[in-house]
Amino acid sequence: MLFLLAQVISLLTNPIIIAFPLPFLLVYHETRDVGYALMWMLFSMLFIMMVGFFVLYEVKRNVFSDIDVSKREQRPLFFVFVTFISILYLLSLYVLNGPTALFIAVGGILGSAIVLGLVNQRIKASLHVASISAFFTTLSLLYGGFSLLWLAMIPVVAWSRVKIKRHTVSEAVVGCVMGIMLTLIVYFGVEMWR
């Protein structure tokens, strides 16, 4: 029963799935305009789905072992593709005069892809835990209040990744530390710049 629960948690917190609402939350925080935030969320979903379809395609071709890209040696290709899509997205934001919050987010994603790619040379940091840590840290920093409670999901996701044997405890901890640390660097870097 616990294994099944861990699988469900792991599936629902897949980095691609949690990426879908992020553009809305960022743009809404910046503008307080629901329609504008929805528009940019839908636009952003195209790029997020490209990453998802790429992963599914590579799983089908047996280049990736699973949708989590669990094998460390398979991750460089994933990081290169995420970097490529992020650059395309960044260029699209520039051409379309996109919201500042999305420029900052994609800059953070690019930086994180590079850092996690380097960390991946030594240890298979949990991308699930890094992503969920970054997501809920961002939510807490921007919205405060009750959104701070979402931080309690980080150890739950870490537990699920360890329980289904996708990561060791140390890999989950590294993912958590990287997700929080990179988010704080971007957030406070932007705050100092303003």
N, C-alpha and C. Protein backbone atom coordinates (compact mmCIF):
# COMPACT_ATOMS: atom_id res chain seq x y z
N MET A 1 0.82 -1.20 0.00
CA MET A 1 0.00 0.00 0.00
C MET A 1 0.86 1.27 0.00
N LEU A 2 1.91 1.29 0.85
CA LEU A 2 2.80 2.45 0.89
C LEU A 2 3.56 2.62 -0.42
N PHE A 3 3.92 1.49 -1.04
CA PHE A 3 4.62 1.56 -2.32
C PHE A 3 3.72 2.20 -3.38
N LEU A 4 2.45 1.81 -3.42
CA LEU A 4 1.50 2.39 -4.37
C LEU A 4 1.32 3.88 -4.11
N LEU A 5 1.20 4.26 -2.85
CA LEU A 5 1.09 5.68 -2.49
C LEU A 5 2.32 6.45 -2.97
N ALA A 6 3.49 5.87 -2.77
CA ALA A 6 4.74 6.51 -3.21
C ALA A 6 4.76 6.67 -4.72
N GLN A 7 4.27 5.66 -5.44
CA GLN A 7 4.22 5.75 -6.91
C GLN A 7 3.29 6.87 -7.36
N VAL A 8 2.13 6.99 -6.72
CA VAL A 8 1.17 8.04 -7.07
C VAL A 8 1.77 9.42 -6.80
N ILE A 9 2.39 9.59 -5.63
CA ILE A 9 3.02 10.87 -5.28
C ILE A 9 4.10 11.20 -6.30
N SER A 10 4.90 10.21 -6.64
CA SER A 10 5.98 10.41 -7.61
C SER A 10 5.44 10.82 -8.97
N LEU A 11 4.38 10.17 -9.40
CA LEU A 11 3.77 10.50 -10.70
C LEU A 11 3.20 11.92 -10.69
N LEU A 12 2.47 12.26 -9.65
CA LEU A 12 1.82 13.58 -9.59
C LEU A 12 2.81 14.73 -9.41
N THR A 13 4.00 14.42 -8.94
CA THR A 13 5.00 15.48 -8.74
C THR A 13 6.11 15.41 -9.78
N ASN A 14 5.83 14.76 -10.90
CA ASN A 14 6.80 14.74 -11.99
C ASN A 14 7.11 16.19 -12.37
N PRO A 15 8.38 16.51 -12.59
CA PRO A 15 8.75 17.91 -12.89
C PRO A 15 7.97 18.52 -14.05
N ILE A 16 7.62 17.73 -15.04
CA ILE A 16 6.86 18.27 -16.17
C ILE A 16 5.45 18.64 -15.73
N ILE A 17 4.84 17.83 -14.89
CA ILE A 17 3.49 18.12 -14.41
C ILE A 17 3.47 19.35 -13.52
N ILE A 18 4.44 19.46 -12.61
CA ILE A 18 4.42 20.63 -11.72
C ILE A 18 4.84 21.90 -12.45
N ALA A 19 5.45 21.75 -13.63
CA ALA A 19 5.82 22.95 -14.40
C ALA A 19 4.60 23.64 -15.01
N PHE A 20 3.52 22.92 -15.24
CA PHE A 20 2.35 23.52 -15.90
C PHE A 20 1.79 24.75 -15.17
N PRO A 21 1.52 24.71 -13.87
CA PRO A 21 0.93 25.89 -13.23
C PRO A 21 1.93 27.01 -12.92
N LEU A 22 3.22 26.72 -12.99
CA LEU A 22 4.22 27.71 -12.58
C LEU A 22 4.14 29.02 -13.36
N PRO A 23 4.04 29.01 -14.70
CA PRO A 23 3.95 30.29 -15.40
C PRO A 23 2.75 31.14 -14.94
N PHE A 24 1.61 30.48 -14.71
CA PHE A 24 0.45 31.23 -14.24
C PHE A 24 0.75 31.89 -12.90
N LEU A 25 1.29 31.11 -11.96
CA LEU A 25 1.57 31.63 -10.62
C LEU A 25 2.57 32.78 -10.65
N LEU A 26 3.58 32.67 -11.51
CA LEU A 26 4.58 33.73 -11.62
C LEU A 26 4.00 35.00 -12.23
N VAL A 27 3.30 34.84 -13.36
CA VAL A 27 2.76 36.01 -14.06
C VAL A 27 1.64 36.65 -13.25
N TYR A 28 0.81 35.83 -12.62
CA TYR A 28 -0.25 36.40 -11.79
C TYR A 28 0.33 37.19 -10.63
N HIS A 29 1.37 36.68 -10.00
CA HIS A 29 2.01 37.41 -8.90
C HIS A 29 2.54 38.76 -9.38
N GLU A 30 3.08 38.78 -10.59
CA GLU A 30 3.65 40.01 -11.15
C GLU A 30 2.58 41.01 -11.57
N THR A 31 1.47 40.52 -12.15
CA THR A 31 0.50 41.42 -12.78
C THR A 31 -0.87 41.48 -12.09
N ARG A 32 -1.22 40.46 -11.33
CA ARG A 32 -2.57 40.32 -10.74
C ARG A 32 -3.65 40.30 -11.82
N ASP A 33 -3.30 39.85 -13.02
CA ASP A 33 -4.22 39.78 -14.15
C ASP A 33 -4.40 38.30 -14.53
N VAL A 34 -5.56 37.74 -14.18
CA VAL A 34 -5.82 36.31 -14.41
C VAL A 34 -5.76 35.96 -15.89
N GLY A 35 -6.39 36.77 -16.74
CA GLY A 35 -6.40 36.48 -18.18
C GLY A 35 -5.01 36.48 -18.78
N TYR A 36 -4.22 37.47 -18.42
CA TYR A 36 -2.85 37.59 -18.92
C TYR A 36 -2.01 36.41 -18.43
N ALA A 37 -2.19 36.05 -17.16
CA ALA A 37 -1.45 34.91 -16.59
C ALA A 37 -1.85 33.60 -17.28
N LEU A 38 -3.14 33.42 -17.55
CA LEU A 38 -3.60 32.22 -18.26
C LEU A 38 -3.02 32.15 -19.66
N MET A 39 -2.99 33.29 -20.36
CA MET A 39 -2.45 33.33 -21.71
C MET A 39 -0.99 32.85 -21.72
N TRP A 40 -0.20 33.37 -20.80
CA TRP A 40 1.21 32.99 -20.75
C TRP A 40 1.40 31.57 -20.25
N MET A 41 0.50 31.09 -19.41
CA MET A 41 0.57 29.70 -18.99
C MET A 41 0.34 28.78 -20.19
N LEU A 42 -0.68 29.09 -20.99
CA LEU A 42 -0.97 28.27 -22.17
C LEU A 42 0.19 28.31 -23.17
N PHE A 43 0.75 29.49 -23.38
CA PHE A 43 1.90 29.61 -24.27
C PHE A 43 3.07 28.77 -23.74
N SER A 44 3.33 28.87 -22.47
CA SER A 44 4.44 28.15 -21.84
C SER A 44 4.23 26.64 -21.90
N MET A 45 2.98 26.21 -21.84
CA MET A 45 2.67 24.78 -21.88
C MET A 45 3.19 24.13 -23.17
N LEU A 46 3.23 24.88 -24.26
CA LEU A 46 3.76 24.34 -25.51
C LEU A 46 5.20 23.87 -25.34
N PHE A 47 5.99 24.67 -24.67
CA PHE A 47 7.40 24.35 -24.46
C PHE A 47 7.56 23.23 -23.43
N ILE A 48 6.75 23.27 -22.40
CA ILE A 48 6.79 22.22 -21.38
C ILE A 48 6.42 20.88 -22.02
N MET A 49 5.40 20.90 -22.88
CA MET A 49 4.96 19.67 -23.54
C MET A 49 6.03 19.15 -24.50
N MET A 50 6.81 20.06 -25.11
CA MET A 50 7.91 19.61 -25.97
C MET A 50 8.89 18.74 -25.18
N VAL A 51 9.18 19.17 -23.96
CA VAL A 51 10.09 18.39 -23.11
C VAL A 51 9.44 17.04 -22.78
N GLY A 52 8.16 17.06 -22.43
CA GLY A 52 7.45 15.82 -22.12
C GLY A 52 7.43 14.86 -23.29
N PHE A 53 7.12 15.37 -24.48
CA PHE A 53 7.08 14.51 -25.67
C PHE A 53 8.47 13.98 -26.02
N PHE A 54 9.49 14.81 -25.82
CA PHE A 54 10.86 14.37 -26.06
C PHE A 54 11.20 13.18 -25.15
N VAL A 55 10.86 13.31 -23.88
CA VAL A 55 11.14 12.22 -22.93
C VAL A 55 10.39 10.95 -23.35
N LEU A 56 9.11 11.08 -23.67
CA LEU A 56 8.33 9.91 -24.10
C LEU A 56 8.92 9.28 -25.36
N TYR A 57 9.33 10.11 -26.30
CA TYR A 57 9.93 9.62 -27.55
C TYR A 57 11.21 8.85 -27.27
N GLU A 58 12.05 9.41 -26.39
CA GLU A 58 13.32 8.74 -26.08
C GLU A 58 13.11 7.47 -25.26
N VAL A 59 12.05 7.41 -24.46
CA VAL A 59 11.71 6.16 -23.76
C VAL A 59 11.29 5.12 -24.79
N LYS A 60 10.46 5.53 -25.74
CA LYS A 60 9.99 4.60 -26.78
C LYS A 60 11.16 4.06 -27.60
N ARG A 61 12.17 4.90 -27.83
CA ARG A 61 13.36 4.48 -28.59
C ARG A 61 14.39 3.75 -27.71
N ASN A 62 14.06 3.58 -26.44
CA ASN A 62 14.96 2.93 -25.47
C ASN A 62 16.25 3.71 -25.23
N VAL A 63 16.23 5.01 -25.50
CA VAL A 63 17.36 5.87 -25.17
C VAL A 63 17.30 6.22 -23.69
N PHE A 64 16.07 6.48 -23.19
CA PHE A 64 15.84 6.70 -21.77
C PHE A 64 15.17 5.44 -21.22
N SER A 65 15.56 5.05 -20.02
CA SER A 65 15.01 3.84 -19.42
C SER A 65 13.57 4.00 -18.97
N ASP A 66 13.18 5.23 -18.60
CA ASP A 66 11.83 5.50 -18.10
C ASP A 66 11.56 7.00 -18.18
N ILE A 67 10.33 7.39 -17.84
CA ILE A 67 9.96 8.81 -17.95
C ILE A 67 10.65 9.69 -16.92
N ASP A 68 11.27 9.09 -15.94
CA ASP A 68 12.01 9.86 -14.94
C ASP A 68 13.47 10.07 -15.33
N VAL A 69 13.89 9.49 -16.46
CA VAL A 69 15.29 9.52 -16.89
C VAL A 69 16.16 9.15 -15.68
N SER A 70 15.88 7.96 -15.16
CA SER A 70 16.46 7.52 -13.89
C SER A 70 17.95 7.20 -13.94
N LYS A 71 18.44 6.81 -15.10
CA LYS A 71 19.86 6.44 -15.18
C LYS A 71 20.71 7.68 -15.40
N ARG A 72 21.67 7.85 -14.54
CA ARG A 72 22.52 9.05 -14.54
C ARG A 72 23.18 9.28 -15.90
N GLU A 73 23.64 8.22 -16.53
CA GLU A 73 24.34 8.37 -17.80
C GLU A 73 23.43 8.83 -18.94
N GLN A 74 22.11 8.73 -18.76
CA GLN A 74 21.16 9.20 -19.78
C GLN A 74 20.80 10.67 -19.60
N ARG A 75 21.13 11.24 -18.48
CA ARG A 75 20.69 12.59 -18.16
C ARG A 75 21.35 13.71 -18.96
N PRO A 76 22.61 13.58 -19.40
CA PRO A 76 23.19 14.68 -20.18
C PRO A 76 22.34 15.05 -21.41
N LEU A 77 21.82 14.06 -22.12
CA LEU A 77 20.96 14.34 -23.27
C LEU A 77 19.71 15.10 -22.83
N PHE A 78 19.14 14.70 -21.71
CA PHE A 78 17.97 15.39 -21.18
C PHE A 78 18.30 16.85 -20.86
N PHE A 79 19.43 17.07 -20.18
CA PHE A 79 19.82 18.44 -19.81
C PHE A 79 20.09 19.30 -21.05
N VAL A 80 20.70 18.72 -22.07
CA VAL A 80 20.95 19.46 -23.31
C VAL A 80 19.63 19.85 -23.95
N PHE A 81 18.68 18.93 -24.00
CA PHE A 81 17.39 19.24 -24.61
C PHE A 81 16.63 20.31 -23.82
N VAL A 82 16.63 20.19 -22.50
CA VAL A 82 15.97 21.21 -21.66
C VAL A 82 16.62 22.57 -21.88
N THR A 83 17.94 22.60 -21.99
CA THR A 83 18.64 23.86 -22.25
C THR A 83 18.23 24.43 -23.60
N PHE A 84 18.17 23.59 -24.63
CA PHE A 84 17.76 24.02 -25.96
C PHE A 84 16.34 24.60 -25.95
N ILE A 85 15.41 23.88 -25.33
CA ILE A 85 14.02 24.36 -25.26
C ILE A 85 13.93 25.64 -24.44
N SER A 86 14.71 25.74 -23.38
CA SER A 86 14.72 26.95 -22.56
C SER A 86 15.21 28.16 -23.36
N ILE A 87 16.21 27.95 -24.19
CA ILE A 87 16.72 29.04 -25.03
C ILE A 87 15.66 29.45 -26.05
N LEU A 88 15.00 28.47 -26.67
CA LEU A 88 13.90 28.78 -27.60
C LEU A 88 12.79 29.57 -26.90
N TYR A 89 12.45 29.14 -25.70
CA TYR A 89 11.42 29.82 -24.91
C TYR A 89 11.86 31.24 -24.58
N LEU A 90 13.10 31.40 -24.19
CA LEU A 90 13.64 32.72 -23.86
C LEU A 90 13.58 33.64 -25.07
N LEU A 91 13.96 33.13 -26.23
CA LEU A 91 13.89 33.93 -27.47
C LEU A 91 12.44 34.30 -27.79
N SER A 92 11.52 33.36 -27.58
CA SER A 92 10.09 33.63 -27.82
C SER A 92 9.59 34.71 -26.88
N LEU A 93 10.00 34.64 -25.62
CA LEU A 93 9.60 35.68 -24.66
C LEU A 93 10.12 37.04 -25.10
N TYR A 94 11.34 37.07 -25.59
CA TYR A 94 11.94 38.33 -26.03
C TYR A 94 11.16 38.90 -27.22
N VAL A 95 10.90 38.06 -28.22
CA VAL A 95 10.18 38.50 -29.42
C VAL A 95 8.77 38.97 -29.07
N LEU A 96 8.11 38.28 -28.14
CA LEU A 96 6.73 38.60 -27.77
C LEU A 96 6.62 39.58 -26.60
N ASN A 97 7.76 40.10 -26.15
CA ASN A 97 7.78 41.03 -25.02
C ASN A 97 7.08 40.42 -23.80
N GLY A 98 7.53 39.24 -23.43
CA GLY A 98 6.92 38.48 -22.34
C GLY A 98 7.14 39.10 -20.98
N PRO A 99 6.44 38.59 -19.99
CA PRO A 99 6.53 39.10 -18.62
C PRO A 99 7.92 38.87 -18.02
N THR A 100 8.36 39.82 -17.24
CA THR A 100 9.67 39.75 -16.58
C THR A 100 9.80 38.48 -15.75
N ALA A 101 8.74 38.10 -15.06
CA ALA A 101 8.80 36.92 -14.19
C ALA A 101 9.19 35.66 -14.97
N LEU A 102 8.74 35.56 -16.22
CA LEU A 102 9.07 34.37 -17.01
C LEU A 102 10.51 34.41 -17.49
N PHE A 103 11.03 35.61 -17.79
CA PHE A 103 12.45 35.74 -18.14
C PHE A 103 13.31 35.26 -16.97
N ILE A 104 12.94 35.70 -15.78
CA ILE A 104 13.69 35.31 -14.58
C ILE A 104 13.60 33.80 -14.37
N ALA A 105 12.40 33.26 -14.53
CA ALA A 105 12.20 31.81 -14.32
C ALA A 105 13.02 30.99 -15.31
N VAL A 106 12.99 31.38 -16.58
CA VAL A 106 13.73 30.59 -17.57
C VAL A 106 15.23 30.76 -17.37
N GLY A 107 15.65 31.92 -16.91
CA GLY A 107 17.06 32.09 -16.54
C GLY A 107 17.45 31.15 -15.41
N GLY A 108 16.56 31.04 -14.43
CA GLY A 108 16.79 30.11 -13.33
C GLY A 108 16.81 28.66 -13.78
N ILE A 109 15.93 28.33 -14.72
CA ILE A 109 15.89 26.97 -15.25
C ILE A 109 17.17 26.65 -16.02
N LEU A 110 17.63 27.61 -16.83
CA LEU A 110 18.89 27.40 -17.56
C LEU A 110 20.05 27.21 -16.60
N GLY A 111 20.13 28.07 -15.61
CA GLY A 111 21.19 27.95 -14.61
C GLY A 111 21.12 26.63 -13.87
N SER A 112 19.90 26.24 -13.52
CA SER A 112 19.71 24.97 -12.80
C SER A 112 20.08 23.77 -13.66
N ALA A 113 19.73 23.82 -14.95
CA ALA A 113 20.09 22.71 -15.84
C ALA A 113 21.60 22.55 -15.91
N ILE A 114 22.31 23.68 -15.97
CA ILE A 114 23.77 23.62 -16.02
C ILE A 114 24.33 23.08 -14.70
N VAL A 115 23.86 23.64 -13.58
CA VAL A 115 24.37 23.20 -12.27
C VAL A 115 24.03 21.74 -12.01
N LEU A 116 22.78 21.35 -12.27
CA LEU A 116 22.39 19.95 -12.03
C LEU A 116 23.12 19.00 -12.98
N GLY A 117 23.40 19.48 -14.20
CA GLY A 117 24.19 18.68 -15.13
C GLY A 117 25.59 18.42 -14.58
N LEU A 118 26.18 19.45 -13.98
CA LEU A 118 27.51 19.30 -13.37
C LEU A 118 27.46 18.40 -12.14
N VAL A 119 26.46 18.62 -11.29
CA VAL A 119 26.29 17.78 -10.09
C VAL A 119 26.09 16.33 -10.50
N ASN A 120 25.36 16.13 -11.60
CA ASN A 120 25.06 14.79 -12.10
C ASN A 120 26.33 14.01 -12.46
N GLN A 121 27.43 14.71 -12.69
CA GLN A 121 28.70 14.03 -12.97
C GLN A 121 29.16 13.22 -11.76
N ARG A 122 28.78 13.67 -10.57
CA ARG A 122 29.21 13.03 -9.32
C ARG A 122 28.13 12.16 -8.68
N ILE A 123 26.90 12.67 -8.66
CA ILE A 123 25.81 11.98 -7.98
C ILE A 123 24.52 12.22 -8.76
N LYS A 124 23.64 11.25 -8.76
CA LYS A 124 22.36 11.37 -9.46
C LYS A 124 21.38 12.11 -8.55
N ALA A 125 21.47 13.44 -8.54
CA ALA A 125 20.56 14.23 -7.72
C ALA A 125 19.13 14.01 -8.20
N SER A 126 18.19 13.94 -7.29
CA SER A 126 16.79 13.73 -7.64
C SER A 126 16.21 14.97 -8.29
N LEU A 127 15.87 14.86 -9.59
CA LEU A 127 15.24 15.98 -10.29
C LEU A 127 13.83 16.22 -9.77
N HIS A 128 13.15 15.14 -9.37
CA HIS A 128 11.82 15.29 -8.77
C HIS A 128 11.90 16.17 -7.53
N VAL A 129 12.81 15.82 -6.64
CA VAL A 129 12.92 16.55 -5.38
C VAL A 129 13.45 17.96 -5.62
N ALA A 130 14.42 18.10 -6.53
CA ALA A 130 14.93 19.44 -6.86
C ALA A 130 13.81 20.32 -7.41
N SER A 131 13.01 19.76 -8.32
CA SER A 131 11.93 20.53 -8.94
C SER A 131 10.85 20.91 -7.94
N ILE A 132 10.43 19.95 -7.13
CA ILE A 132 9.37 20.24 -6.16
C ILE A 132 9.88 21.21 -5.09
N SER A 133 11.16 21.09 -4.73
CA SER A 133 11.75 22.02 -3.76
C SER A 133 11.79 23.43 -4.33
N ALA A 134 12.19 23.55 -5.59
CA ALA A 134 12.22 24.86 -6.24
C ALA A 134 10.81 25.43 -6.38
N PHE A 135 9.86 24.58 -6.77
CA PHE A 135 8.48 25.02 -6.97
C PHE A 135 7.87 25.56 -5.68
N PHE A 136 7.95 24.77 -4.61
CA PHE A 136 7.32 25.20 -3.36
C PHE A 136 8.10 26.30 -2.65
N THR A 137 9.40 26.36 -2.85
CA THR A 137 10.17 27.49 -2.31
C THR A 137 9.76 28.77 -3.02
N THR A 138 9.63 28.71 -4.34
CA THR A 138 9.18 29.87 -5.12
C THR A 138 7.79 30.31 -4.67
N LEU A 139 6.88 29.36 -4.55
CA LEU A 139 5.51 29.66 -4.12
C LEU A 139 5.52 30.33 -2.75
N SER A 140 6.32 29.81 -1.84
CA SER A 140 6.40 30.36 -0.48
C SER A 140 6.98 31.76 -0.47
N LEU A 141 8.03 31.99 -1.27
CA LEU A 141 8.65 33.31 -1.32
C LEU A 141 7.70 34.35 -1.92
N LEU A 142 6.98 33.96 -2.95
CA LEU A 142 6.11 34.92 -3.65
C LEU A 142 4.79 35.16 -2.93
N TYR A 143 4.19 34.11 -2.41
CA TYR A 143 2.85 34.23 -1.86
C TYR A 143 2.79 34.21 -0.34
N GLY A 144 3.83 33.67 0.32
CA GLY A 144 3.87 33.66 1.78
C GLY A 144 2.66 32.99 2.41
N GLY A 145 2.35 33.36 3.65
CA GLY A 145 1.17 32.86 4.35
C GLY A 145 1.04 31.36 4.33
N PHE A 146 -0.16 30.91 3.95
CA PHE A 146 -0.46 29.48 3.96
C PHE A 146 0.34 28.70 2.91
N SER A 147 0.86 29.38 1.91
CA SER A 147 1.64 28.66 0.90
C SER A 147 2.91 28.06 1.51
N LEU A 148 3.33 28.58 2.65
CA LEU A 148 4.49 28.01 3.35
C LEU A 148 4.24 26.55 3.75
N LEU A 149 2.97 26.21 3.96
CA LEU A 149 2.63 24.83 4.33
C LEU A 149 3.01 23.83 3.24
N TRP A 150 3.03 24.30 1.99
CA TRP A 150 3.39 23.41 0.89
C TRP A 150 4.82 22.88 1.00
N LEU A 151 5.66 23.59 1.75
CA LEU A 151 7.04 23.13 1.94
C LEU A 151 7.09 21.74 2.59
N ALA A 152 6.03 21.40 3.31
CA ALA A 152 5.96 20.07 3.94
C ALA A 152 5.88 18.95 2.90
N MET A 153 5.55 19.30 1.66
CA MET A 153 5.49 18.28 0.61
C MET A 153 6.88 17.83 0.17
N ILE A 154 7.90 18.64 0.42
CA ILE A 154 9.25 18.29 -0.04
C ILE A 154 9.71 16.95 0.56
N PRO A 155 9.65 16.77 1.88
CA PRO A 155 10.07 15.46 2.41
C PRO A 155 9.15 14.32 1.98
N VAL A 156 7.89 14.62 1.71
CA VAL A 156 6.96 13.58 1.24
C VAL A 156 7.40 13.08 -0.14
N VAL A 157 7.75 14.02 -1.02
CA VAL A 157 8.21 13.64 -2.36
C VAL A 157 9.55 12.90 -2.25
N ALA A 158 10.44 13.39 -1.40
CA ALA A 158 11.73 12.71 -1.21
C ALA A 158 11.50 11.28 -0.73
N TRP A 159 10.60 11.11 0.23
CA TRP A 159 10.27 9.77 0.72
C TRP A 159 9.77 8.89 -0.43
N SER A 160 8.88 9.44 -1.27
CA SER A 160 8.31 8.64 -2.35
C SER A 160 9.38 8.18 -3.33
N ARG A 161 10.33 9.04 -3.63
CA ARG A 161 11.40 8.69 -4.57
C ARG A 161 12.31 7.59 -4.00
N VAL A 162 12.55 7.67 -2.70
CA VAL A 162 13.37 6.64 -2.04
C VAL A 162 12.57 5.34 -1.93
N LYS A 163 11.30 5.45 -1.57
CA LYS A 163 10.44 4.27 -1.38
C LYS A 163 10.33 3.44 -2.66
N ILE A 164 10.20 4.11 -3.81
CA ILE A 164 10.07 3.36 -5.07
C ILE A 164 11.44 3.03 -5.68
N LYS A 165 12.48 3.31 -4.91
CA LYS A 165 13.86 2.94 -5.27
C LYS A 165 14.37 3.64 -6.53
N ARG A 166 13.91 4.87 -6.75
CA ARG A 166 14.44 5.67 -7.86
C ARG A 166 15.66 6.46 -7.40
N HIS A 167 15.75 6.67 -6.08
CA HIS A 167 16.86 7.42 -5.51
C HIS A 167 17.22 6.88 -4.14
N THR A 168 18.45 7.19 -3.75
CA THR A 168 18.87 6.93 -2.37
C THR A 168 18.50 8.17 -1.54
N VAL A 169 18.62 8.04 -0.25
CA VAL A 169 18.35 9.19 0.63
C VAL A 169 19.29 10.35 0.28
N SER A 170 20.56 10.05 0.06
CA SER A 170 21.52 11.13 -0.24
C SER A 170 21.19 11.82 -1.56
N GLU A 171 20.73 11.08 -2.56
CA GLU A 171 20.34 11.69 -3.84
C GLU A 171 19.12 12.59 -3.68
N ALA A 172 18.18 12.17 -2.84
CA ALA A 172 17.01 13.00 -2.56
C ALA A 172 17.40 14.26 -1.81
N VAL A 173 18.30 14.13 -0.84
CA VAL A 173 18.76 15.30 -0.07
C VAL A 173 19.50 16.27 -0.98
N VAL A 174 20.36 15.76 -1.85
CA VAL A 174 21.07 16.64 -2.78
C VAL A 174 20.07 17.37 -3.67
N GLY A 175 19.06 16.67 -4.17
CA GLY A 175 18.03 17.31 -4.98
C GLY A 175 17.32 18.42 -4.22
N CYS A 176 16.97 18.15 -2.98
CA CYS A 176 16.30 19.15 -2.13
C CYS A 176 17.17 20.37 -1.93
N VAL A 177 18.42 20.15 -1.55
CA VAL A 177 19.34 21.26 -1.29
C VAL A 177 19.55 22.07 -2.57
N MET A 178 19.74 21.39 -3.70
CA MET A 178 19.96 22.10 -4.96
C MET A 178 18.73 22.92 -5.35
N GLY A 179 17.54 22.33 -5.25
CA GLY A 179 16.32 23.04 -5.62
C GLY A 179 16.10 24.28 -4.79
N ILE A 180 16.28 24.16 -3.48
CA ILE A 180 16.08 25.31 -2.59
C ILE A 180 17.18 26.34 -2.79
N MET A 181 18.42 25.89 -2.84
CA MET A 181 19.55 26.80 -2.95
C MET A 181 19.51 27.60 -4.27
N LEU A 182 19.26 26.92 -5.38
CA LEU A 182 19.22 27.62 -6.66
C LEU A 182 18.06 28.61 -6.71
N THR A 183 16.93 28.25 -6.13
CA THR A 183 15.79 29.16 -6.08
C THR A 183 16.11 30.39 -5.25
N LEU A 184 16.72 30.19 -4.10
CA LEU A 184 17.08 31.33 -3.24
C LEU A 184 18.10 32.24 -3.91
N ILE A 185 19.06 31.66 -4.62
CA ILE A 185 20.05 32.47 -5.34
C ILE A 185 19.36 33.34 -6.38
N VAL A 186 18.47 32.75 -7.17
CA VAL A 186 17.75 33.53 -8.19
C VAL A 186 16.88 34.59 -7.54
N TYR A 187 16.10 34.20 -6.54
CA TYR A 187 15.17 35.13 -5.89
C TYR A 187 15.91 36.32 -5.27
N PHE A 188 16.91 36.04 -4.45
CA PHE A 188 17.60 37.14 -3.77
C PHE A 188 18.51 37.90 -4.73
N GLY A 189 18.99 37.24 -5.77
CA GLY A 189 19.74 37.94 -6.81
C GLY A 189 18.88 38.98 -7.50
N VAL A 190 17.65 38.60 -7.83
CA VAL A 190 16.71 39.53 -8.46
C VAL A 190 16.34 40.65 -7.50
N GLU A 191 16.10 40.30 -6.24
CA GLU A 191 15.74 41.32 -5.24
C GLU A 191 16.87 42.34 -5.06
N MET A 192 18.11 41.89 -5.07
CA MET A 192 19.24 42.81 -4.94
C MET A 192 19.37 43.70 -6.16
N TRP A 193 19.02 43.16 -7.33
CA TRP A 193 19.13 43.88 -8.60
C TRP A 193 18.12 45.02 -8.68
N ARG A 194 16.96 44.83 -8.07
CA ARG A 194 15.87 45.83 -8.18
C ARG A 194 16.20 47.09 -7.47
